[in-house]
């Protein structure tokens, strides 16, 4: 599987309820406050966030006491909290440096990490030397290119015969005839295959 979605933080929006913004803000206070070694000296400070949350809680009057004026104040206090969370989220992403586990400790809500099956890419291979035993040759794959496994086939007359499969980048193929042989190698990841590579090897 290959990661295809960049780490991001999902923030409360203008339409998010005051209660949900308070819950979100308290989660960030708890997360960042418990991991000051990961998120040292944030700007704005956690005290500023705490004060803004307390002001938002105080502005959330009972429904029977609400008026257009109290609703306006509540909205203003909510946007203050969101306004503090925005730069704090950028600070967290900077400190996390792409590490999802670190970012999650901040208390911020992260986007969902999506994956897709990605076909293995092109790679190159080369003959390194004759192997330690008769009928063997050592091969090196220059880069994995997303392949989990490498299938090796030997050309026998006009047919390709499977010889072995390896999950390492340096491997020794056995059972070869003496002299030069043509090998075809392709990578696999699940059911997907990479383009094949042909090389000439020598065995004694």
Protein backbone atom coordinates (compact mmCIF):
# COMPACT_ATOMS: atom_id res chain seq x y z
CA UNK A 1 0.00 0.00 0.00
CA UNK A 2 1.22 3.52 -0.74
CA UNK A 3 0.29 6.62 1.16
CA UNK A 4 -1.39 9.17 -1.07
CA UNK A 5 -2.88 11.70 1.29
CA UNK A 6 -0.75 14.37 2.91
CA UNK A 7 -1.07 14.89 6.65
CA UNK A 8 -3.50 17.71 7.43
CA UNK A 9 -5.52 19.03 10.37
CA UNK A 10 -9.28 19.49 10.24
CA UNK A 11 -10.33 22.60 12.17
CA UNK A 12 -13.74 23.68 13.45
CA UNK A 13 -15.64 25.92 11.04
CA UNK A 14 -17.77 29.02 11.48
CA UNK A 15 -20.91 26.88 11.51
CA UNK A 16 -19.52 24.49 14.15
CA UNK A 17 -21.48 24.77 17.40
CA UNK A 18 -19.95 26.60 20.36
CA UNK A 19 -20.10 23.42 22.44
CA UNK A 20 -18.16 21.48 19.81
CA UNK A 21 -15.56 24.23 19.54
CA UNK A 22 -15.12 24.12 23.33
CA UNK A 23 -14.69 20.34 23.21
CA UNK A 24 -12.19 20.64 20.38
CA UNK A 25 -10.23 23.37 22.11
CA UNK A 26 -10.04 21.43 25.37
CA UNK A 27 -8.73 18.38 23.49
CA UNK A 28 -5.93 20.52 22.04
CA UNK A 29 -5.16 22.00 25.46
CA UNK A 30 -4.90 18.51 26.92
CA UNK A 31 -2.89 17.06 24.04
CA UNK A 32 -0.36 19.85 23.59
CA UNK A 33 -0.16 20.43 27.32
CA UNK A 34 0.72 16.80 27.94
CA UNK A 35 3.40 16.80 25.23
CA UNK A 36 5.29 20.04 25.68
CA UNK A 37 8.49 18.25 24.68
CA UNK A 38 6.99 17.74 21.21
CA UNK A 39 5.30 21.15 20.96
CA UNK A 40 7.45 23.59 22.96
CA UNK A 41 6.55 27.28 23.31
CA UNK A 42 3.66 27.43 20.83
CA UNK A 43 2.43 30.75 19.47
CA UNK A 44 -0.31 31.60 20.35
CA UNK A 45 0.26 30.18 23.81
CA UNK A 46 -1.85 27.51 25.45
CA UNK A 47 -2.83 30.09 28.08
CA UNK A 48 -4.31 32.26 25.34
CA UNK A 49 -6.27 29.27 24.10
CA UNK A 50 -7.42 28.41 27.63
CA UNK A 51 -8.57 32.00 28.27
CA UNK A 52 -10.44 32.10 24.95
CA UNK A 53 -12.20 28.81 25.73
CA UNK A 54 -13.25 30.06 29.16
CA UNK A 55 -14.61 33.25 27.58
CA UNK A 56 -16.57 31.17 25.07
CA UNK A 57 -18.03 28.99 27.84
CA UNK A 58 -19.07 32.11 29.76
CA UNK A 59 -20.76 33.56 26.68
CA UNK A 60 -22.86 30.42 26.11
CA UNK A 61 -25.91 31.51 28.11
CA UNK A 62 -28.98 29.30 28.69
CA UNK A 63 -31.36 29.14 25.76
CA UNK A 64 -34.07 31.07 27.64
CA UNK A 65 -31.74 34.02 28.19
CA UNK A 66 -30.53 34.26 24.63
CA UNK A 67 -31.03 37.25 22.39
CA UNK A 68 -29.58 38.54 19.13
CA UNK A 69 -26.92 40.32 21.19
CA UNK A 70 -25.91 37.24 23.20
CA UNK A 71 -25.82 35.17 20.00
CA UNK A 72 -23.53 37.76 18.42
CA UNK A 73 -21.19 37.71 21.41
CA UNK A 74 -21.19 33.91 21.41
CA UNK A 75 -20.27 33.83 17.73
CA UNK A 76 -17.48 36.35 18.29
CA UNK A 77 -16.02 34.35 21.18
CA UNK A 78 -16.24 31.16 19.14
CA UNK A 79 -14.35 32.73 16.26
CA UNK A 80 -11.65 33.89 18.68
CA UNK A 81 -11.03 30.26 19.70
CA UNK A 82 -11.00 29.12 16.09
CA UNK A 83 -8.64 31.99 15.26
CA UNK A 84 -6.20 30.73 17.90
CA UNK A 85 -6.51 27.12 16.78
CA UNK A 86 -5.56 27.95 13.20
CA UNK A 87 -1.96 29.12 13.86
CA UNK A 88 -1.57 26.44 16.52
CA UNK A 89 -2.46 23.81 13.92
CA UNK A 90 0.25 25.12 11.60
CA UNK A 91 2.70 25.01 14.51
CA UNK A 92 1.80 21.37 15.20
CA UNK A 93 2.22 20.39 11.55
CA UNK A 94 5.61 22.08 11.50
CA UNK A 95 6.77 20.23 14.59
CA UNK A 96 5.28 16.91 13.46
CA UNK A 97 7.16 17.18 10.15
CA UNK A 98 4.81 14.76 8.43
CA UNK A 99 4.69 12.23 11.27
CA UNK A 100 1.06 11.33 11.90
CA UNK A 101 1.70 9.77 15.31
CA UNK A 102 3.33 12.94 16.60
CA UNK A 103 0.59 15.19 15.21
CA UNK A 104 -2.12 13.02 16.78
CA UNK A 105 -0.67 13.64 20.24
CA UNK A 106 -1.52 17.34 19.90
CA UNK A 107 -5.25 16.75 20.32
CA UNK A 108 -6.00 18.20 16.90
CA UNK A 109 -8.29 16.24 14.57
CA UNK A 110 -6.32 14.80 11.66
CA UNK A 111 -7.50 13.96 8.18
CA UNK A 112 -7.99 10.30 7.33
CA UNK A 113 -4.96 8.57 5.86
CA UNK A 114 -6.05 7.02 2.59
CA UNK A 115 -4.19 4.33 0.70
CA UNK A 116 -4.45 2.71 -2.69
CA UNK A 117 -2.91 -0.32 -4.30
CA UNK A 118 -0.09 1.14 -6.34
CA UNK A 119 1.49 -0.90 -9.08
CA UNK A 120 5.23 -1.53 -8.66
CA UNK A 121 7.38 0.74 -10.80
CA UNK A 122 10.33 0.22 -13.08
CA UNK A 123 13.63 -0.94 -11.61
CA UNK A 124 17.06 -1.92 -12.90
CA UNK A 125 19.10 -5.05 -12.20
CA UNK A 126 22.64 -6.14 -12.90
CA UNK A 127 24.78 -9.25 -12.81
CA UNK A 128 27.25 -8.96 -9.93
CA UNK A 129 29.37 -12.11 -10.12
CA UNK A 130 29.25 -15.86 -10.55
CA UNK A 131 27.76 -17.50 -7.49
CA UNK A 132 29.55 -19.49 -4.80
CA UNK A 133 28.41 -22.80 -6.25
CA UNK A 134 28.37 -24.21 -9.76
CA UNK A 135 25.32 -23.12 -11.74
CA UNK A 136 24.72 -19.97 -9.69
CA UNK A 137 24.95 -16.23 -10.26
CA UNK A 138 24.50 -13.24 -7.95
CA UNK A 139 22.18 -10.42 -9.04
CA UNK A 140 21.58 -7.00 -7.56
CA UNK A 141 18.37 -4.97 -7.88
CA UNK A 142 19.27 -1.29 -7.89
CA UNK A 143 16.03 -0.02 -6.33
CA UNK A 144 12.93 -1.71 -4.94
CA UNK A 145 10.48 0.58 -6.82
CA UNK A 146 7.57 -0.49 -4.68
CA UNK A 147 8.08 -4.21 -5.29
CA UNK A 148 7.60 -6.65 -2.42
CA UNK A 149 8.93 -9.65 -4.33
CA UNK A 150 11.14 -10.29 -7.35
CA UNK A 151 10.37 -13.22 -9.67
CA UNK A 152 13.30 -14.62 -11.67
CA UNK A 153 12.80 -16.57 -14.89
CA UNK A 154 15.39 -18.26 -17.10
CA UNK A 155 15.19 -18.21 -20.90
CA UNK A 156 15.30 -21.80 -22.17
CA UNK A 157 15.23 -21.79 -25.94
CA UNK A 158 12.13 -19.68 -26.66
CA UNK A 159 10.42 -20.20 -23.31
CA UNK A 160 10.72 -18.56 -19.89
CA UNK A 161 11.04 -20.95 -16.95
CA UNK A 162 10.56 -19.67 -13.41
CA UNK A 163 13.66 -20.21 -11.28
CA UNK A 164 12.99 -18.56 -7.92
CA UNK A 165 11.51 -15.59 -6.06
CA UNK A 166 13.34 -13.21 -3.72
CA UNK A 167 12.37 -10.37 -1.40
CA UNK A 168 15.91 -9.01 -1.06
CA UNK A 169 17.74 -6.65 -3.41
CA UNK A 170 20.85 -8.86 -3.58
CA UNK A 171 20.27 -12.54 -4.28
CA UNK A 172 21.85 -15.63 -5.83
CA UNK A 173 20.04 -17.59 -8.52
CA UNK A 174 20.83 -21.31 -8.60
CA UNK A 175 20.22 -24.06 -11.12
CA UNK A 176 21.70 -22.21 -14.10
CA UNK A 177 23.54 -23.87 -16.96
CA UNK A 178 27.26 -23.28 -17.30
CA UNK A 179 28.13 -20.15 -19.30
CA UNK A 180 25.90 -17.22 -20.14
CA UNK A 181 22.16 -17.18 -19.52
CA UNK A 182 19.40 -14.64 -19.99
CA UNK A 183 17.24 -13.92 -16.97
CA UNK A 184 13.94 -12.07 -16.92
CA UNK A 185 13.05 -10.41 -13.62
CA UNK A 186 9.84 -8.68 -12.66
CA UNK A 187 8.59 -7.33 -9.36
CA UNK A 188 5.28 -8.01 -7.66
CA UNK A 189 3.19 -6.21 -5.05
CA UNK A 190 0.04 -8.18 -4.36
CA UNK A 191 -1.37 -9.14 -7.73
CA UNK A 192 0.27 -6.23 -9.56
CA UNK A 193 3.47 -6.68 -11.58
CA UNK A 194 6.22 -4.32 -12.60
CA UNK A 195 7.68 -4.08 -16.09
CA UNK A 196 10.14 -6.96 -16.68
CA UNK A 197 13.91 -6.51 -16.87
CA UNK A 198 16.20 -8.83 -18.85
CA UNK A 199 19.88 -9.30 -17.97
CA UNK A 200 22.69 -11.65 -18.99
CA UNK A 201 24.43 -13.58 -16.21
CA UNK A 202 27.26 -16.10 -16.12
CA UNK A 203 27.64 -19.28 -14.11
CA UNK A 204 30.34 -21.94 -13.95
